[in-house]
Amino acid sequence: KNPDAYADNLVDLVECYNGSEFKYPGSDKTFTTKEGVNALEDAIEYLQTCQKSFPPLTLVDGLCKSANYLCEQNGPTGSLSTTCADGTESSDRLVKYGSWKGRILELLSFGPCSDSPRNIVTQWL
């Protein structure tokens, strides 16, 4: 809702970088990034200068059903793909469980740093 305030949440993450290596606070996992801290600094700068606010993220029933189907299909196999074990593509699932205007994108987040909505949105940025 307030991009500038969200940028404040990201500033503390700058110190979590060591070159291209990133380590989430409170995690023992280190991730190798392509961009290093520059991508985070770009996101912070953009959010601090963003002129409009955005509506809060909300759950959408169709997206939740699509995600549940993906988990049911791929969970047992450990697959990290957007394509289900039965061959269903993300676009097929999204159309099956909802109706959309314009474009829609499916972003997946896996692993120990996907345990909170804030961490997931931070990964998107």
N, C-alpha and C. Protein backbone atom coordinates (compact mmCIF):
# COMPACT_ATOMS: atom_id res chain seq x y z
N LYS A 1 0.83 -1.19 0.00
CA LYS A 1 0.00 0.00 0.00
C LYS A 1 0.87 1.25 0.00
N ASN A 2 1.97 1.21 0.74
CA ASN A 2 2.83 2.37 0.85
C ASN A 2 4.25 1.97 0.44
N PRO A 3 4.60 2.20 -0.83
CA PRO A 3 5.92 1.75 -1.32
C PRO A 3 7.10 2.29 -0.53
N ASP A 4 7.03 3.56 -0.11
CA ASP A 4 8.15 4.15 0.62
C ASP A 4 8.36 3.44 1.96
N ALA A 5 7.28 3.11 2.64
CA ALA A 5 7.39 2.40 3.91
C ALA A 5 7.93 0.99 3.69
N TYR A 6 7.55 0.37 2.59
CA TYR A 6 8.07 -0.97 2.31
C TYR A 6 9.57 -0.92 2.04
N ALA A 7 10.01 0.15 1.41
CA ALA A 7 11.44 0.31 1.15
C ALA A 7 12.23 0.28 2.45
N ASP A 8 11.65 0.84 3.51
CA ASP A 8 12.32 0.83 4.81
C ASP A 8 12.57 -0.60 5.29
N ASN A 9 11.67 -1.52 4.96
CA ASN A 9 11.85 -2.93 5.33
C ASN A 9 13.02 -3.56 4.60
N LEU A 10 13.33 -3.04 3.42
CA LEU A 10 14.39 -3.63 2.60
C LEU A 10 15.79 -3.12 2.96
N VAL A 11 15.87 -1.93 3.53
CA VAL A 11 17.17 -1.31 3.81
C VAL A 11 18.04 -2.20 4.67
N ASP A 12 17.45 -2.86 5.67
CA ASP A 12 18.23 -3.73 6.56
C ASP A 12 18.84 -4.93 5.84
N LEU A 13 18.28 -5.28 4.68
CA LEU A 13 18.78 -6.45 3.96
C LEU A 13 20.08 -6.16 3.20
N VAL A 14 20.42 -4.89 3.02
CA VAL A 14 21.65 -4.53 2.30
C VAL A 14 22.86 -5.18 2.96
N GLU A 15 22.88 -5.18 4.28
CA GLU A 15 24.03 -5.75 5.00
C GLU A 15 24.08 -7.28 4.94
N CYS A 16 23.06 -7.90 4.39
CA CYS A 16 23.02 -9.36 4.27
C CYS A 16 23.78 -9.86 3.04
N TYR A 17 24.28 -8.92 2.23
CA TYR A 17 25.03 -9.28 1.03
C TYR A 17 26.52 -9.29 1.29
N ASN A 18 27.18 -10.25 0.69
CA ASN A 18 28.63 -10.31 0.65
C ASN A 18 28.97 -10.61 -0.82
N GLY A 19 29.20 -9.56 -1.59
CA GLY A 19 29.37 -9.73 -3.03
C GLY A 19 28.06 -10.17 -3.65
N SER A 20 28.07 -11.31 -4.31
CA SER A 20 26.83 -11.81 -4.92
C SER A 20 26.12 -12.80 -3.99
N GLU A 21 26.67 -13.04 -2.82
CA GLU A 21 26.07 -13.97 -1.86
C GLU A 21 25.11 -13.22 -0.94
N PHE A 22 23.94 -13.83 -0.71
CA PHE A 22 22.92 -13.23 0.15
C PHE A 22 22.51 -14.25 1.20
N LYS A 23 22.42 -13.81 2.45
CA LYS A 23 21.99 -14.66 3.55
C LYS A 23 20.86 -13.96 4.30
N TYR A 24 19.66 -14.57 4.26
CA TYR A 24 18.51 -14.00 4.96
C TYR A 24 18.79 -13.94 6.45
N PRO A 25 18.36 -12.88 7.11
CA PRO A 25 18.52 -12.79 8.57
C PRO A 25 17.83 -13.98 9.25
N GLY A 26 18.51 -14.59 10.17
CA GLY A 26 17.95 -15.71 10.91
C GLY A 26 18.00 -17.04 10.17
N SER A 27 18.60 -17.07 9.00
CA SER A 27 18.69 -18.30 8.22
C SER A 27 20.15 -18.72 8.11
N ASP A 28 20.37 -20.00 8.00
CA ASP A 28 21.74 -20.48 7.78
C ASP A 28 22.00 -20.73 6.30
N LYS A 29 21.01 -20.41 5.45
CA LYS A 29 21.13 -20.63 4.01
C LYS A 29 21.71 -19.39 3.33
N THR A 30 22.65 -19.62 2.42
CA THR A 30 23.22 -18.55 1.61
C THR A 30 22.81 -18.78 0.16
N PHE A 31 22.40 -17.71 -0.50
CA PHE A 31 21.96 -17.78 -1.89
C PHE A 31 22.92 -16.99 -2.76
N THR A 32 23.25 -17.54 -3.90
CA THR A 32 24.08 -16.83 -4.86
C THR A 32 23.16 -16.10 -5.82
N THR A 33 23.38 -14.80 -5.97
CA THR A 33 22.57 -13.99 -6.87
C THR A 33 23.41 -13.56 -8.07
N LYS A 34 22.76 -13.19 -9.14
CA LYS A 34 23.47 -12.67 -10.30
C LYS A 34 23.82 -11.20 -10.12
N GLU A 35 22.89 -10.45 -9.54
CA GLU A 35 23.04 -8.99 -9.48
C GLU A 35 23.76 -8.49 -8.24
N GLY A 36 23.75 -9.28 -7.17
CA GLY A 36 24.32 -8.80 -5.92
C GLY A 36 23.43 -7.73 -5.31
N VAL A 37 23.99 -6.90 -4.47
CA VAL A 37 23.24 -5.91 -3.73
C VAL A 37 22.66 -4.81 -4.64
N ASN A 38 23.20 -4.66 -5.84
CA ASN A 38 22.70 -3.60 -6.74
C ASN A 38 21.22 -3.72 -7.03
N ALA A 39 20.71 -4.94 -7.23
CA ALA A 39 19.29 -5.12 -7.52
C ALA A 39 18.44 -4.68 -6.32
N LEU A 40 18.89 -5.00 -5.12
CA LEU A 40 18.16 -4.58 -3.92
C LEU A 40 18.18 -3.06 -3.79
N GLU A 41 19.32 -2.47 -4.02
CA GLU A 41 19.42 -1.00 -3.94
C GLU A 41 18.54 -0.33 -4.99
N ASP A 42 18.45 -0.91 -6.19
CA ASP A 42 17.55 -0.38 -7.22
C ASP A 42 16.09 -0.46 -6.77
N ALA A 43 15.71 -1.59 -6.16
CA ALA A 43 14.34 -1.75 -5.68
C ALA A 43 14.03 -0.73 -4.59
N ILE A 44 14.96 -0.52 -3.67
CA ILE A 44 14.76 0.45 -2.60
C ILE A 44 14.58 1.84 -3.19
N GLU A 45 15.46 2.22 -4.12
CA GLU A 45 15.38 3.54 -4.75
C GLU A 45 14.04 3.73 -5.47
N TYR A 46 13.61 2.71 -6.21
CA TYR A 46 12.34 2.81 -6.92
C TYR A 46 11.18 3.00 -5.94
N LEU A 47 11.14 2.18 -4.89
CA LEU A 47 10.05 2.27 -3.93
C LEU A 47 10.05 3.62 -3.20
N GLN A 48 11.22 4.16 -2.93
CA GLN A 48 11.31 5.45 -2.23
C GLN A 48 10.84 6.60 -3.11
N THR A 49 10.94 6.45 -4.41
CA THR A 49 10.56 7.54 -5.31
C THR A 49 9.23 7.29 -6.01
N CYS A 50 8.60 6.17 -5.72
CA CYS A 50 7.33 5.82 -6.35
C CYS A 50 6.27 6.83 -5.93
N GLN A 51 5.55 7.36 -6.89
CA GLN A 51 4.60 8.43 -6.62
C GLN A 51 3.21 7.95 -6.23
N LYS A 52 2.88 6.71 -6.51
CA LYS A 52 1.54 6.26 -6.17
C LYS A 52 1.59 5.09 -5.21
N SER A 53 0.52 4.94 -4.48
CA SER A 53 0.41 3.79 -3.58
C SER A 53 -0.28 2.67 -4.34
N PHE A 54 -0.15 1.49 -3.82
CA PHE A 54 -0.72 0.31 -4.44
C PHE A 54 -1.70 -0.33 -3.46
N PRO A 55 -2.73 -0.98 -3.98
CA PRO A 55 -3.63 -1.67 -3.05
C PRO A 55 -2.92 -2.83 -2.39
N PRO A 56 -3.34 -3.19 -1.20
CA PRO A 56 -2.72 -4.34 -0.53
C PRO A 56 -2.94 -5.61 -1.36
N LEU A 57 -2.01 -6.53 -1.25
CA LEU A 57 -2.19 -7.83 -1.90
C LEU A 57 -3.31 -8.57 -1.20
N THR A 58 -4.11 -9.27 -1.98
CA THR A 58 -5.21 -10.03 -1.41
C THR A 58 -5.21 -11.44 -1.99
N LEU A 59 -5.76 -12.36 -1.25
CA LEU A 59 -5.91 -13.72 -1.74
C LEU A 59 -7.06 -13.77 -2.75
N VAL A 60 -6.85 -14.52 -3.81
CA VAL A 60 -7.87 -14.71 -4.82
C VAL A 60 -8.18 -16.20 -4.87
N ASP A 61 -9.45 -16.56 -4.74
CA ASP A 61 -9.85 -17.95 -4.64
C ASP A 61 -9.32 -18.80 -5.80
N GLY A 62 -9.47 -18.31 -7.03
CA GLY A 62 -9.01 -19.08 -8.18
C GLY A 62 -7.52 -19.34 -8.17
N LEU A 63 -6.74 -18.33 -7.77
CA LEU A 63 -5.29 -18.50 -7.69
C LEU A 63 -4.93 -19.50 -6.60
N CYS A 64 -5.65 -19.45 -5.48
CA CYS A 64 -5.39 -20.41 -4.40
C CYS A 64 -5.69 -21.83 -4.85
N LYS A 65 -6.78 -22.02 -5.58
CA LYS A 65 -7.13 -23.36 -6.08
C LYS A 65 -6.09 -23.85 -7.08
N SER A 66 -5.63 -22.96 -7.94
CA SER A 66 -4.61 -23.32 -8.91
C SER A 66 -3.32 -23.73 -8.20
N ALA A 67 -2.93 -22.97 -7.18
CA ALA A 67 -1.72 -23.28 -6.42
C ALA A 67 -1.87 -24.60 -5.67
N ASN A 68 -3.05 -24.83 -5.10
CA ASN A 68 -3.27 -26.11 -4.39
C ASN A 68 -3.17 -27.29 -5.35
N TYR A 69 -3.71 -27.13 -6.55
CA TYR A 69 -3.62 -28.21 -7.53
C TYR A 69 -2.15 -28.49 -7.88
N LEU A 70 -1.38 -27.43 -8.08
CA LEU A 70 0.05 -27.59 -8.37
C LEU A 70 0.74 -28.35 -7.24
N CYS A 71 0.44 -27.98 -6.00
CA CYS A 71 1.07 -28.65 -4.85
C CYS A 71 0.66 -30.12 -4.77
N GLU A 72 -0.61 -30.39 -5.02
CA GLU A 72 -1.09 -31.78 -4.99
C GLU A 72 -0.39 -32.62 -6.06
N GLN A 73 -0.17 -32.04 -7.22
CA GLN A 73 0.46 -32.75 -8.33
C GLN A 73 1.97 -32.91 -8.14
N ASN A 74 2.63 -31.83 -7.76
CA ASN A 74 4.10 -31.83 -7.75
C ASN A 74 4.72 -32.11 -6.39
N GLY A 75 3.97 -31.91 -5.33
CA GLY A 75 4.50 -32.14 -3.99
C GLY A 75 5.08 -33.53 -3.81
N PRO A 76 4.32 -34.56 -4.15
CA PRO A 76 4.84 -35.92 -3.95
C PRO A 76 6.12 -36.23 -4.74
N THR A 77 6.31 -35.54 -5.86
CA THR A 77 7.50 -35.81 -6.68
C THR A 77 8.66 -34.88 -6.35
N GLY A 78 8.37 -33.80 -5.61
CA GLY A 78 9.41 -32.83 -5.28
C GLY A 78 9.73 -31.88 -6.42
N SER A 79 8.92 -31.88 -7.46
CA SER A 79 9.16 -31.02 -8.62
C SER A 79 9.00 -29.55 -8.25
N LEU A 80 9.86 -28.71 -8.80
CA LEU A 80 9.78 -27.26 -8.59
C LEU A 80 9.33 -26.55 -9.86
N SER A 81 8.59 -27.23 -10.69
CA SER A 81 8.17 -26.70 -11.98
C SER A 81 6.78 -26.11 -11.91
N THR A 82 6.47 -25.18 -12.81
CA THR A 82 5.11 -24.67 -12.94
C THR A 82 4.24 -25.62 -13.75
N THR A 83 4.86 -26.60 -14.38
CA THR A 83 4.13 -27.64 -15.10
C THR A 83 3.84 -28.78 -14.13
N CYS A 84 2.57 -29.15 -14.04
CA CYS A 84 2.17 -30.22 -13.12
C CYS A 84 2.65 -31.58 -13.61
N ALA A 85 2.70 -32.52 -12.69
CA ALA A 85 3.11 -33.88 -13.02
C ALA A 85 2.21 -34.50 -14.10
N ASP A 86 0.93 -34.04 -14.17
CA ASP A 86 0.02 -34.56 -15.19
C ASP A 86 0.12 -33.81 -16.52
N GLY A 87 1.09 -32.88 -16.62
CA GLY A 87 1.31 -32.13 -17.86
C GLY A 87 0.57 -30.81 -17.94
N THR A 88 -0.27 -30.51 -16.96
CA THR A 88 -1.03 -29.26 -16.95
C THR A 88 -0.08 -28.09 -16.78
N GLU A 89 -0.18 -27.11 -17.69
CA GLU A 89 0.64 -25.89 -17.61
C GLU A 89 -0.05 -24.87 -16.70
N SER A 90 0.72 -23.89 -16.23
CA SER A 90 0.15 -22.87 -15.35
C SER A 90 -1.02 -22.14 -16.00
N SER A 91 -0.92 -21.83 -17.28
CA SER A 91 -2.01 -21.11 -17.96
C SER A 91 -3.29 -21.96 -17.96
N ASP A 92 -3.16 -23.27 -18.11
CA ASP A 92 -4.33 -24.16 -18.08
C ASP A 92 -4.99 -24.12 -16.71
N ARG A 93 -4.18 -24.19 -15.67
CA ARG A 93 -4.73 -24.17 -14.30
C ARG A 93 -5.38 -22.84 -13.99
N LEU A 94 -4.74 -21.75 -14.41
CA LEU A 94 -5.28 -20.43 -14.11
C LEU A 94 -6.62 -20.21 -14.79
N VAL A 95 -6.78 -20.68 -16.01
CA VAL A 95 -8.05 -20.56 -16.72
C VAL A 95 -9.10 -21.48 -16.09
N LYS A 96 -8.69 -22.66 -15.68
CA LYS A 96 -9.62 -23.63 -15.10
C LYS A 96 -10.25 -23.10 -13.81
N TYR A 97 -9.45 -22.43 -12.99
CA TYR A 97 -9.92 -22.03 -11.67
C TYR A 97 -10.33 -20.57 -11.56
N GLY A 98 -10.26 -19.80 -12.63
CA GLY A 98 -10.66 -18.40 -12.54
C GLY A 98 -10.81 -17.78 -13.90
N SER A 99 -11.21 -16.53 -13.89
CA SER A 99 -11.28 -15.77 -15.15
C SER A 99 -10.49 -14.49 -14.94
N TRP A 100 -9.77 -14.08 -15.98
CA TRP A 100 -8.82 -13.00 -15.83
C TRP A 100 -8.99 -12.01 -16.97
N LYS A 101 -8.71 -10.77 -16.67
CA LYS A 101 -8.66 -9.71 -17.67
C LYS A 101 -7.20 -9.31 -17.80
N GLY A 102 -6.75 -9.16 -19.01
CA GLY A 102 -5.36 -8.76 -19.21
C GLY A 102 -4.41 -9.91 -18.96
N ARG A 103 -3.25 -9.58 -18.45
CA ARG A 103 -2.20 -10.59 -18.23
C ARG A 103 -2.22 -11.08 -16.80
N ILE A 104 -1.74 -12.29 -16.65
CA ILE A 104 -1.59 -12.86 -15.31
C ILE A 104 -0.27 -13.62 -15.29
N LEU A 105 0.34 -13.65 -14.14
CA LEU A 105 1.65 -14.28 -13.99
C LEU A 105 1.63 -15.14 -12.75
N GLU A 106 2.25 -16.29 -12.84
CA GLU A 106 2.38 -17.17 -11.69
C GLU A 106 3.83 -17.12 -11.23
N LEU A 107 4.02 -16.70 -9.99
CA LEU A 107 5.35 -16.68 -9.39
C LEU A 107 5.36 -17.68 -8.25
N LEU A 108 6.33 -18.55 -8.26
CA LEU A 108 6.44 -19.57 -7.22
C LEU A 108 7.59 -19.23 -6.29
N SER A 109 7.44 -19.61 -5.05
CA SER A 109 8.49 -19.38 -4.08
C SER A 109 8.65 -20.63 -3.24
N PHE A 110 9.86 -21.16 -3.19
CA PHE A 110 10.14 -22.39 -2.47
C PHE A 110 11.26 -22.16 -1.47
N GLY A 111 11.31 -22.97 -0.47
CA GLY A 111 12.47 -22.97 0.41
C GLY A 111 12.26 -22.31 1.74
N PRO A 112 13.32 -22.27 2.51
CA PRO A 112 13.23 -21.82 3.90
C PRO A 112 12.94 -20.33 4.05
N CYS A 113 13.13 -19.55 3.02
CA CYS A 113 12.89 -18.11 3.12
C CYS A 113 11.55 -17.73 2.49
N SER A 114 10.71 -18.72 2.28
CA SER A 114 9.37 -18.49 1.73
C SER A 114 8.32 -18.71 2.81
N ASP A 115 8.70 -18.43 4.05
CA ASP A 115 7.84 -18.74 5.17
C ASP A 115 6.93 -17.60 5.59
N SER A 116 7.03 -16.45 4.94
CA SER A 116 6.16 -15.34 5.30
C SER A 116 5.83 -14.53 4.04
N PRO A 117 4.66 -13.90 4.03
CA PRO A 117 4.32 -13.06 2.88
C PRO A 117 5.36 -11.97 2.62
N ARG A 118 5.90 -11.37 3.67
CA ARG A 118 6.90 -10.31 3.48
C ARG A 118 8.14 -10.86 2.77
N ASN A 119 8.61 -12.02 3.19
CA ASN A 119 9.80 -12.60 2.52
C ASN A 119 9.53 -12.91 1.06
N ILE A 120 8.33 -13.39 0.76
CA ILE A 120 8.01 -13.71 -0.63
C ILE A 120 7.95 -12.45 -1.47
N VAL A 121 7.30 -11.41 -0.99
CA VAL A 121 7.24 -10.14 -1.75
C VAL A 121 8.65 -9.58 -1.91
N THR A 122 9.47 -9.68 -0.90
CA THR A 122 10.85 -9.21 -0.99
C THR A 122 11.59 -9.96 -2.09
N GLN A 123 11.37 -11.26 -2.21
CA GLN A 123 12.01 -12.02 -3.28
C GLN A 123 11.53 -11.54 -4.64
N TRP A 124 10.28 -11.21 -4.78
CA TRP A 124 9.75 -10.71 -6.06
C TRP A 124 10.45 -9.42 -6.47
N LEU A 125 10.70 -8.57 -5.49
CA LEU A 125 11.34 -7.28 -5.79
C LEU A 125 12.77 -7.49 -6.23
